[in-house]
Amino acid sequence: MPTPDIIHNLIRRFEEQYDSYRSDSYNETQLRREFLDPFFVALGWDVHNRKGWAEAYKDVIHEDAIRVGGATKAPDYAFRIGGTRKFFVEAKKPAVYVREDVHPTYQLRRYAWSAKLPLSILTDFEELAVYDCRQKPDKSDKASTGRVEIYHFRDYAEKWGTISAVLSREAVLKGSFDRHAESMKGKRGTAKKEIGSLFPKKRDHTIVFSGKAFADIRPIVRQPGQFIFWVPRKYLQVAMRVKRNDIIGIIFKSVNIHPRRCGRHAGYRQTDNIRPFQQ
């Protein structure tokens, strides 16, 4: 499926107004209306019931009602075929870091596990993560537990064929979604691949990150190669990315790194636990 113009437009708009969308003032409802609704419309789903189907046969139920632990919960979207749920989508505002925040991950997996749905999606549009929800979730689980795929918004156009081949309404009707869910059984979470694959296994001294490599952890570098990060391997406890005045940094858990350990090419600034290094 060729990438629809609306997807290119959404990517461009999110890029141009990135800081505004990442602010706390931009809420989840705005995100759903401005980005997620048109995203799934582009995948062929009748998000707004334009065809006027009866309630029992709508493609999409907004804030569906399910029983979770004796209480009624409401996933943001339930995508259905003929009234049968196929997957949930839980939306979070872009200020929430869905890749590492354990609460929204646990929330989504708990919804889907309770509804016996094999796969479901967590997204803030900046990233879209697909989770295998067949394993009972636990509050102690990492954010990567059960995560089988994750896409960054800058990759949506390039990977639209892959995304639509599984998540489009047509793909679900043709059985592609079910076959994909079956193929995901037992697949390990993505964390090791995202972070571990960046570091040479036989080196225990300073690791050099290019902008492109760091982008694999949080791909927000506009021009890969623009930044270099010098980080002692023993301090590699990457929690999340931060952006302060266009300086990209890494948050470490209670770690103090002396400036001279960062290499002669690196700038240095300390703000609480934030350790940004700029070439």
C-alpha atoms as a PDB file:
ATOM      1  CA  MET A   1       0.000   0.000   0.000  1.00  0.00           C
ATOM      2  CA  PRO A   2       1.524   3.392  -0.976  1.00  0.00           C
ATOM      3  CA  THR A   3       1.855   5.880   1.850  1.00  0.00           C
ATOM      4  CA  PRO A   4      -1.220   8.180   1.825  1.00  0.00           C
ATOM      5  CA  ASP A   5      -0.697  11.927   1.613  1.00  0.00           C
ATOM      6  CA  ILE A   6      -2.329  12.375   5.015  1.00  0.00           C
ATOM      7  CA  ILE A   7       0.444  10.343   6.649  1.00  0.00           C
ATOM      8  CA  HIS A   8       3.131  12.526   5.046  1.00  0.00           C
ATOM      9  CA  ASN A   9       1.206  15.590   6.257  1.00  0.00           C
ATOM     10  CA  LEU A  10       0.921  14.260   9.808  1.00  0.00           C
ATOM     11  CA  ILE A  11       4.628  13.466   9.938  1.00  0.00           C
ATOM     12  CA  ARG A  12       5.552  16.905   8.631  1.00  0.00           C
ATOM     13  CA  ARG A  13       3.224  18.718  11.046  1.00  0.00           C
ATOM     14  CA  PHE A  14       4.448  16.749  14.052  1.00  0.00           C
ATOM     15  CA  GLU A  15       8.046  17.454  13.051  1.00  0.00           C
ATOM     16  CA  GLU A  16       7.475  21.181  12.546  1.00  0.00           C
ATOM     17  CA  GLN A  17       5.641  21.642  15.866  1.00  0.00           C
ATOM     18  CA  TYR A  18       7.501  18.982  17.801  1.00  0.00           C
ATOM     19  CA  ASP A  19       8.246  21.060  20.901  1.00  0.00           C
ATOM     20  CA  SER A  20       4.648  22.261  21.152  1.00  0.00           C
ATOM     21  CA  TYR A  21       3.253  18.749  20.922  1.00  0.00           C
ATOM     22  CA  ARG A  22       5.759  17.502  23.493  1.00  0.00           C
ATOM     23  CA  SER A  23       4.690  20.134  26.041  1.00  0.00           C
ATOM     24  CA  ASP A  24       2.464  19.229  28.996  1.00  0.00           C
ATOM     25  CA  SER A  25      -0.242  21.565  27.711  1.00  0.00           C
ATOM     26  CA  TYR A  26      -0.878  19.373  24.665  1.00  0.00           C
ATOM     27  CA  ASN A  27      -3.248  16.699  25.908  1.00  0.00           C
ATOM     28  CA  GLU A  28      -4.279  13.219  24.899  1.00  0.00           C
ATOM     29  CA  THR A  29      -7.646  14.256  23.495  1.00  0.00           C
ATOM     30  CA  GLN A  30      -5.968  16.710  21.129  1.00  0.00           C
ATOM     31  CA  LEU A  31      -3.523  14.026  20.028  1.00  0.00           C
ATOM     32  CA  ARG A  32      -6.304  11.556  19.301  1.00  0.00           C
ATOM     33  CA  ARG A  33      -8.353  14.006  17.264  1.00  0.00           C
ATOM     34  CA  GLU A  34      -5.477  15.593  15.332  1.00  0.00           C
ATOM     35  CA  PHE A  35      -3.141  12.645  14.771  1.00  0.00           C
ATOM     36  CA  LEU A  36      -4.393   9.219  15.795  1.00  0.00           C
ATOM     37  CA  ASP A  37      -7.880   9.415  14.284  1.00  0.00           C
ATOM     38  CA  PRO A  38      -6.581  10.354  10.811  1.00  0.00           C
ATOM     39  CA  PHE A  39      -3.732   7.830  11.151  1.00  0.00           C
ATOM     40  CA  PHE A  40      -6.164   4.951  11.543  1.00  0.00           C
ATOM     41  CA  VAL A  41      -8.556   6.363   8.963  1.00  0.00           C
ATOM     42  CA  ALA A  42      -5.604   6.103   6.549  1.00  0.00           C
ATOM     43  CA  LEU A  43      -5.426   2.412   7.500  1.00  0.00           C
ATOM     44  CA  GLY A  44      -8.992   1.995   6.286  1.00  0.00           C
ATOM     45  CA  TRP A  45     -10.836   2.047   9.616  1.00  0.00           C
ATOM     46  CA  ASP A  46     -14.161   3.883   9.896  1.00  0.00           C
ATOM     47  CA  VAL A  47     -13.016   5.705  13.020  1.00  0.00           C
ATOM     48  CA  HIS A  48     -15.981   8.121  13.048  1.00  0.00           C
ATOM     49  CA  ASN A  49     -18.630   5.658  11.803  1.00  0.00           C
ATOM     50  CA  ARG A  50     -19.233   7.655   8.634  1.00  0.00           C
ATOM     51  CA  LYS A  51     -21.100   4.657   7.202  1.00  0.00           C
ATOM     52  CA  GLY A  52     -23.629   4.797  10.007  1.00  0.00           C
ATOM     53  CA  TRP A  53     -23.311   1.193  11.147  1.00  0.00           C
ATOM     54  CA  ALA A  54     -25.339   0.051  14.150  1.00  0.00           C
ATOM     55  CA  GLU A  55     -23.567   0.296  17.499  1.00  0.00           C
ATOM     56  CA  ALA A  56     -22.983  -3.459  17.602  1.00  0.00           C
ATOM     57  CA  TYR A  57     -21.128  -3.411  14.267  1.00  0.00           C
ATOM     58  CA  LYS A  58     -19.055  -0.232  14.395  1.00  0.00           C
ATOM     59  CA  ASP A  59     -15.430  -0.578  13.286  1.00  0.00           C
ATOM     60  CA  VAL A  60     -14.131   1.444  16.211  1.00  0.00           C
ATOM     61  CA  ILE A  61     -15.446   1.940  19.733  1.00  0.00           C
ATOM     62  CA  HIS A  62     -14.019   4.948  21.534  1.00  0.00           C
ATOM     63  CA  GLU A  63     -13.428   4.315  25.235  1.00  0.00           C
ATOM     64  CA  ASP A  64     -14.812   0.814  25.125  1.00  0.00           C
ATOM     65  CA  ALA A  65     -15.986  -0.714  28.426  1.00  0.00           C
ATOM     66  CA  ILE A  66     -14.220  -3.830  29.749  1.00  0.00           C
ATOM     67  CA  ARG A  67     -13.993  -5.490  33.140  1.00  0.00           C
ATOM     68  CA  VAL A  68     -10.495  -5.467  34.617  1.00  0.00           C
ATOM     69  CA  GLY A  69      -9.905  -6.734  38.136  1.00  0.00           C
ATOM     70  CA  GLY A  70     -13.522  -6.226  39.122  1.00  0.00           C
ATOM     71  CA  ALA A  71     -13.670  -2.660  37.804  1.00  0.00           C
ATOM     72  CA  THR A  72     -14.839  -1.201  34.501  1.00  0.00           C
ATOM     73  CA  LYS A  73     -12.035   0.299  32.399  1.00  0.00           C
ATOM     74  CA  ALA A  74     -12.081   2.139  29.093  1.00  0.00           C
ATOM     75  CA  PRO A  75      -9.375   1.546  26.463  1.00  0.00           C
ATOM     76  CA  ASP A  76      -9.125   4.572  24.192  1.00  0.00           C
ATOM     77  CA  TYR A  77      -9.904   2.612  21.025  1.00  0.00           C
ATOM     78  CA  ALA A  78     -11.239  -0.871  20.368  1.00  0.00           C
ATOM     79  CA  PHE A  79     -10.850  -1.934  16.731  1.00  0.00           C
ATOM     80  CA  ARG A  80     -13.384  -4.522  15.628  1.00  0.00           C
ATOM     81  CA  ILE A  81     -14.553  -6.608  12.705  1.00  0.00           C
ATOM     82  CA  GLY A  82     -18.240  -7.503  12.702  1.00  0.00           C
ATOM     83  CA  GLY A  83     -18.491  -6.503  16.336  1.00  0.00           C
ATOM     84  CA  THR A  84     -15.575  -8.729  17.407  1.00  0.00           C
ATOM     85  CA  ARG A  85     -12.633  -6.989  19.044  1.00  0.00           C
ATOM     86  CA  LYS A  86      -9.309  -7.467  17.275  1.00  0.00           C
ATOM     87  CA  PHE A  87      -7.007  -5.073  19.150  1.00  0.00           C
ATOM     88  CA  PHE A  88      -6.961  -2.111  21.521  1.00  0.00           C
ATOM     89  CA  VAL A  89      -5.082   1.145  21.041  1.00  0.00           C
ATOM     90  CA  GLU A  90      -4.139   3.062  24.155  1.00  0.00           C
ATOM     91  CA  ALA A  91      -3.147   6.680  23.513  1.00  0.00           C
ATOM     92  CA  LYS A  92      -0.858   8.861  25.604  1.00  0.00           C
ATOM     93  CA  LYS A  93       0.074  12.483  25.078  1.00  0.00           C
ATOM     94  CA  PRO A  94       3.548  12.973  23.560  1.00  0.00           C
ATOM     95  CA  ALA A  95       4.930  14.313  26.852  1.00  0.00           C
ATOM     96  CA  VAL A  96       4.694  10.715  28.123  1.00  0.00           C
ATOM     97  CA  TYR A  97       7.699   8.618  27.138  1.00  0.00           C
ATOM     98  CA  VAL A  98       5.908   5.446  26.075  1.00  0.00           C
ATOM     99  CA  ARG A  99       9.118   3.550  25.312  1.00  0.00           C
ATOM    100  CA  GLU A 100      10.249   3.538  28.949  1.00  0.00           C
ATOM    101  CA  ASP A 101       7.226   4.489  31.082  1.00  0.00           C
ATOM    102  CA  VAL A 102       6.000   1.275  32.693  1.00  0.00           C
ATOM    103  CA  HIS A 103       2.548   2.523  33.740  1.00  0.00           C
ATOM    104  CA  PRO A 104       0.940   2.935  30.282  1.00  0.00           C
ATOM    105  CA  THR A 105       2.522  -0.337  29.165  1.00  0.00           C
ATOM    106  CA  TYR A 106       1.065  -2.199  32.136  1.00  0.00           C
ATOM    107  CA  GLN A 107      -2.280  -0.483  31.568  1.00  0.00           C
ATOM    108  CA  LEU A 108      -2.491  -1.542  27.919  1.00  0.00           C
ATOM    109  CA  ARG A 109      -1.366  -5.116  28.547  1.00  0.00           C
ATOM    110  CA  ARG A 110      -3.825  -5.459  31.417  1.00  0.00           C
ATOM    111  CA  TYR A 111      -6.699  -4.304  29.210  1.00  0.00           C
ATOM    112  CA  ALA A 112      -5.791  -6.629  26.351  1.00  0.00           C
ATOM    113  CA  TRP A 113      -5.025  -9.624  28.585  1.00  0.00           C
ATOM    114  CA  SER A 114      -8.397  -9.241  30.308  1.00  0.00           C
ATOM    115  CA  ALA A 115     -10.121  -9.096  26.911  1.00  0.00           C
ATOM    116  CA  LYS A 116      -8.063 -12.051  25.610  1.00  0.00           C
ATOM    117  CA  LEU A 117      -6.593 -10.045  22.741  1.00  0.00           C
ATOM    118  CA  PRO A 118      -3.206 -11.318  21.504  1.00  0.00           C
ATOM    119  CA  LEU A 119      -1.810  -7.978  20.286  1.00  0.00           C
ATOM    120  CA  SER A 120      -2.548  -4.356  21.126  1.00  0.00           C
ATOM    121  CA  ILE A 121      -0.944  -0.952  20.578  1.00  0.00           C
ATOM    122  CA  LEU A 122       0.419   1.835  22.743  1.00  0.00           C
ATOM    123  CA  THR A 123       1.129   5.140  21.007  1.00  0.00           C
ATOM    124  CA  ASP A 124       1.701   8.849  21.488  1.00  0.00           C
ATOM    125  CA  PHE A 125       2.057   9.215  17.705  1.00  0.00           C
ATOM    126  CA  GLU A 126       5.745   9.983  18.194  1.00  0.00           C
ATOM    127  CA  GLU A 127       6.126   6.256  18.686  1.00  0.00           C
ATOM    128  CA  LEU A 128       3.832   3.322  18.057  1.00  0.00           C
ATOM    129  CA  ALA A 129       4.537   0.147  20.019  1.00  0.00           C
ATOM    130  CA  VAL A 130       2.947  -3.247  19.407  1.00  0.00           C
ATOM    131  CA  TYR A 131       2.648  -5.557  22.421  1.00  0.00           C
ATOM    132  CA  ASP A 132       2.046  -9.269  22.732  1.00  0.00           C
ATOM    133  CA  CYS A 133      -0.535  -9.319  25.519  1.00  0.00           C
ATOM    134  CA  ARG A 134      -0.978 -13.069  26.011  1.00  0.00           C
ATOM    135  CA  GLN A 135       1.227 -13.130  29.115  1.00  0.00           C
ATOM    136  CA  LYS A 136      -0.431 -11.949  32.321  1.00  0.00           C
ATOM    137  CA  PRO A 137       1.010  -8.509  33.121  1.00  0.00           C
ATOM    138  CA  ASP A 138       2.718  -7.744  36.399  1.00  0.00           C
ATOM    139  CA  LYS A 139       3.372  -4.316  37.888  1.00  0.00           C
ATOM    140  CA  SER A 140       7.058  -5.172  38.170  1.00  0.00           C
ATOM    141  CA  ASP A 141       7.373  -5.792  34.404  1.00  0.00           C
ATOM    142  CA  LYS A 142       9.624  -3.534  32.379  1.00  0.00           C
ATOM    143  CA  ALA A 143       8.170  -1.312  29.679  1.00  0.00           C
ATOM    144  CA  SER A 144       9.763  -3.581  27.089  1.00  0.00           C
ATOM    145  CA  THR A 145       8.054  -6.723  28.391  1.00  0.00           C
ATOM    146  CA  GLY A 146       5.852  -8.107  25.650  1.00  0.00           C
ATOM    147  CA  ARG A 147       6.819  -5.402  23.175  1.00  0.00           C
ATOM    148  CA  VAL A 148       7.393  -7.024  19.807  1.00  0.00           C
ATOM    149  CA  GLU A 149       7.603  -3.993  17.499  1.00  0.00           C
ATOM    150  CA  ILE A 150       8.070  -0.256  17.810  1.00  0.00           C
ATOM    151  CA  TYR A 151       7.980   2.450  15.142  1.00  0.00           C
ATOM    152  CA  HIS A 152       9.067   6.076  15.310  1.00  0.00           C
ATOM    153  CA  PHE A 153       6.947   8.690  13.562  1.00  0.00           C
ATOM    154  CA  ARG A 154       9.770   9.598  11.180  1.00  0.00           C
ATOM    155  CA  ASP A 155       9.677   6.001   9.924  1.00  0.00           C
ATOM    156  CA  TYR A 156       5.932   5.774   9.305  1.00  0.00           C
ATOM    157  CA  ALA A 157       6.155   6.704   5.635  1.00  0.00           C
ATOM    158  CA  GLU A 158       9.038   4.349   4.884  1.00  0.00           C
ATOM    159  CA  LYS A 159       7.469   1.469   6.825  1.00  0.00           C
ATOM    160  CA  TRP A 160       3.866   2.125   5.860  1.00  0.00           C
ATOM    161  CA  GLY A 161       3.730  -1.069   3.822  1.00  0.00           C
ATOM    162  CA  THR A 162       4.765  -3.112   6.868  1.00  0.00           C
ATOM    163  CA  ILE A 163       2.360  -1.305   9.186  1.00  0.00           C
ATOM    164  CA  SER A 164      -0.622  -1.495   6.846  1.00  0.00           C
ATOM    165  CA  ALA A 165       0.055  -5.154   6.035  1.00  0.00           C
ATOM    166  CA  VAL A 166      -0.888  -5.987   9.636  1.00  0.00           C
ATOM    167  CA  LEU A 167      -2.972  -3.142  11.087  1.00  0.00           C
ATOM    168  CA  SER A 168      -5.129  -1.996   8.172  1.00  0.00           C
ATOM    169  CA  ARG A 169      -8.770  -3.026   8.121  1.00  0.00           C
ATOM    170  CA  GLU A 170      -8.203  -4.911   4.884  1.00  0.00           C
ATOM    171  CA  ALA A 171      -5.277  -6.830   6.410  1.00  0.00           C
ATOM    172  CA  VAL A 172      -7.401  -7.825   9.402  1.00  0.00           C
ATOM    173  CA  LEU A 173     -10.224  -8.981   7.131  1.00  0.00           C
ATOM    174  CA  LYS A 174      -7.797 -11.092   5.092  1.00  0.00           C
ATOM    175  CA  GLY A 175      -6.381 -12.758   8.196  1.00  0.00           C
ATOM    176  CA  SER A 176      -2.966 -11.080   8.113  1.00  0.00           C
ATOM    177  CA  PHE A 177      -3.364  -9.672  11.609  1.00  0.00           C
ATOM    178  CA  ASP A 178      -4.188 -13.095  13.081  1.00  0.00           C
ATOM    179  CA  ARG A 179      -1.293 -14.750  11.273  1.00  0.00           C
ATOM    180  CA  HIS A 180       1.048 -12.004  12.472  1.00  0.00           C
ATOM    181  CA  ALA A 181      -0.184 -12.428  16.049  1.00  0.00           C
ATOM    182  CA  GLU A 182       0.486 -16.161  15.827  1.00  0.00           C
ATOM    183  CA  SER A 183       4.002 -15.530  14.518  1.00  0.00           C
ATOM    184  CA  MET A 184       4.708 -13.216  17.463  1.00  0.00           C
ATOM    185  CA  LYS A 185       4.142 -15.931  20.077  1.00  0.00           C
ATOM    186  CA  GLY A 186       7.149 -16.206  22.335  1.00  0.00           C
ATOM    187  CA  LYS A 187       9.027 -13.342  20.724  1.00  0.00           C
ATOM    188  CA  ARG A 188      11.210 -11.538  23.251  1.00  0.00           C
ATOM    189  CA  GLY A 189      10.822  -7.871  24.097  1.00  0.00           C
ATOM    190  CA  THR A 190      12.647  -5.231  22.075  1.00  0.00           C
ATOM    191  CA  ALA A 191      14.793  -3.654  24.814  1.00  0.00           C
ATOM    192  CA  LYS A 192      17.860  -5.839  24.317  1.00  0.00           C
ATOM    193  CA  LYS A 193      17.819  -5.218  20.587  1.00  0.00           C
ATOM    194  CA  GLU A 194      17.282  -1.465  20.973  1.00  0.00           C
ATOM    195  CA  ILE A 195      20.043  -0.837  23.504  1.00  0.00           C
ATOM    196  CA  GLY A 196      22.255  -3.891  23.766  1.00  0.00           C
ATOM    197  CA  SER A 197      22.934  -4.096  20.040  1.00  0.00           C
ATOM    198  CA  LEU A 198      24.542  -0.654  20.100  1.00  0.00           C
ATOM    199  CA  PHE A 199      27.457  -1.694  22.301  1.00  0.00           C
ATOM    200  CA  PRO A 200      30.391  -3.940  21.329  1.00  0.00           C
ATOM    201  CA  LYS A 201      30.290  -7.054  23.517  1.00  0.00           C
ATOM    202  CA  LYS A 202      34.044  -7.281  24.090  1.00  0.00           C
ATOM    203  CA  ARG A 203      34.680  -3.698  25.160  1.00  0.00           C
ATOM    204  CA  ASP A 204      34.364  -2.494  28.714  1.00  0.00           C
ATOM    205  CA  HIS A 205      35.780   0.993  28.342  1.00  0.00           C
ATOM    206  CA  THR A 206      34.473   4.201  26.821  1.00  0.00           C
ATOM    207  CA  ILE A 207      31.782   3.691  24.188  1.00  0.00           C
ATOM    208  CA  VAL A 208      31.427   6.172  21.347  1.00  0.00           C
ATOM    209  CA  PHE A 209      27.896   6.882  20.149  1.00  0.00           C
ATOM    210  CA  SER A 210      27.223   8.444  16.808  1.00  0.00           C
ATOM    211  CA  GLY A 211      24.040  10.439  16.373  1.00  0.00           C
ATOM    212  CA  LYS A 212      22.677   7.581  14.286  1.00  0.00           C
ATOM    213  CA  ALA A 213      23.310   5.027  17.016  1.00  0.00           C
ATOM    214  CA  PHE A 214      21.701   7.213  19.651  1.00  0.00           C
ATOM    215  CA  ALA A 215      18.751   7.630  17.315  1.00  0.00           C
ATOM    216  CA  ASP A 216      18.131   3.890  17.691  1.00  0.00           C
ATOM    217  CA  ILE A 217      17.428   4.516  21.368  1.00  0.00           C
ATOM    218  CA  ARG A 218      15.372   7.638  20.786  1.00  0.00           C
ATOM    219  CA  PRO A 219      15.491   8.718  17.138  1.00  0.00           C
ATOM    220  CA  ILE A 220      15.138  12.466  17.467  1.00  0.00           C
ATOM    221  CA  VAL A 221      18.437  13.580  15.963  1.00  0.00           C
ATOM    222  CA  ARG A 222      17.509  15.606  12.910  1.00  0.00           C
ATOM    223  CA  GLN A 223      20.797  14.922  11.135  1.00  0.00           C
ATOM    224  CA  PRO A 224      22.393  11.603  12.147  1.00  0.00           C
ATOM    225  CA  GLY A 225      26.071  12.029  12.940  1.00  0.00           C
ATOM    226  CA  GLN A 226      25.583  15.514  14.356  1.00  0.00           C
ATOM    227  CA  PHE A 227      26.150  14.365  17.940  1.00  0.00           C
ATOM    228  CA  ILE A 228      28.763  12.143  19.572  1.00  0.00           C
ATOM    229  CA  PHE A 229      28.347  10.673  23.061  1.00  0.00           C
ATOM    230  CA  TRP A 230      31.240   9.388  25.149  1.00  0.00           C
ATOM    231  CA  VAL A 231      29.917   7.237  27.983  1.00  0.00           C
ATOM    232  CA  PRO A 232      31.782   4.778  30.238  1.00  0.00           C
ATOM    233  CA  ARG A 233      30.215   1.392  29.677  1.00  0.00           C
ATOM    234  CA  LYS A 234      29.659   0.699  33.369  1.00  0.00           C
ATOM    235  CA  TYR A 235      27.334   3.715  33.511  1.00  0.00           C
ATOM    236  CA  LEU A 236      25.046   2.523  30.738  1.00  0.00           C
ATOM    237  CA  GLN A 237      21.729   2.568  32.572  1.00  0.00           C
ATOM    238  CA  VAL A 238      19.734   4.448  29.987  1.00  0.00           C
ATOM    239  CA  ALA A 239      16.359   5.468  31.370  1.00  0.00           C
ATOM    240  CA  MET A 240      15.000   7.903  28.804  1.00  0.00           C
ATOM    241  CA  ARG A 241      15.924  10.724  26.509  1.00  0.00           C
ATOM    242  CA  VAL A 242      15.565  14.390  27.368  1.00  0.00           C
ATOM    243  CA  LYS A 243      15.776  17.504  25.293  1.00  0.00           C
ATOM    244  CA  ARG A 244      16.822  20.786  26.807  1.00  0.00           C
ATOM    245  CA  ASN A 245      17.493  23.730  24.500  1.00  0.00           C
ATOM    246  CA  ASP A 246      18.074  21.346  21.594  1.00  0.00           C
ATOM    247  CA  ILE A 247      20.808  19.492  23.500  1.00  0.00           C
ATOM    248  CA  ILE A 248      20.156  15.775  23.488  1.00  0.00           C
ATOM    249  CA  GLY A 249      21.175  13.945  26.615  1.00  0.00           C
ATOM    250  CA  ILE A 250      20.979  10.710  28.532  1.00  0.00           C
ATOM    251  CA  ILE A 251      19.493  10.324  31.998  1.00  0.00           C
ATOM    252  CA  PHE A 252      21.441   8.026  34.282  1.00  0.00           C
ATOM    253  CA  LYS A 253      20.181   6.555  37.532  1.00  0.00           C
ATOM    254  CA  SER A 254      22.051   8.355  40.312  1.00  0.00           C
ATOM    255  CA  VAL A 255      25.316   8.367  38.421  1.00  0.00           C
ATOM    256  CA  ASN A 256      27.897  11.130  38.530  1.00  0.00           C
ATOM    257  CA  ILE A 257      30.120  11.310  35.462  1.00  0.00           C
ATOM    258  CA  HIS A 258      33.115  13.595  35.580  1.00  0.00           C
ATOM    259  CA  PRO A 259      33.403  15.916  32.545  1.00  0.00           C
ATOM    260  CA  ARG A 260      36.866  14.729  31.584  1.00  0.00           C
ATOM    261  CA  ARG A 261      35.516  11.184  31.226  1.00  0.00           C
ATOM    262  CA  CYS A 262      33.439  12.443  28.326  1.00  0.00           C
ATOM    263  CA  GLY A 263      36.279  12.931  25.888  1.00  0.00           C
ATOM    264  CA  ARG A 264      37.956  15.997  24.483  1.00  0.00           C
ATOM    265  CA  HIS A 265      35.311  16.556  21.784  1.00  0.00           C
ATOM    266  CA  ALA A 266      32.356  16.583  24.139  1.00  0.00           C
ATOM    267  CA  GLY A 267      30.660  19.516  25.801  1.00  0.00           C
ATOM    268  CA  TYR A 268      29.310  18.990  29.292  1.00  0.00           C
ATOM    269  CA  ARG A 269      26.524  20.339  31.435  1.00  0.00           C
ATOM    270  CA  GLN A 270      24.940  18.950  34.579  1.00  0.00           C
ATOM    271  CA  THR A 271      21.259  19.355  35.454  1.00  0.00           C
ATOM    272  CA  ASP A 272      20.210  16.961  38.218  1.00  0.00           C
ATOM    273  CA  ASN A 273      20.814  13.530  36.672  1.00  0.00           C
ATOM    274  CA  ILE A 274      20.880  14.817  33.103  1.00  0.00           C
ATOM    275  CA  ARG A 275      24.166  14.303  31.300  1.00  0.00           C
ATOM    276  CA  PRO A 276      24.004  15.883  27.858  1.00  0.00           C
ATOM    277  CA  PHE A 277      27.050  15.835  25.616  1.00  0.00           C
ATOM    278  CA  GLN A 278      27.264  17.809  22.419  1.00  0.00           C
ATOM    279  CA  GLN A 279      29.948  17.639  19.758  1.00  0.00           C
END
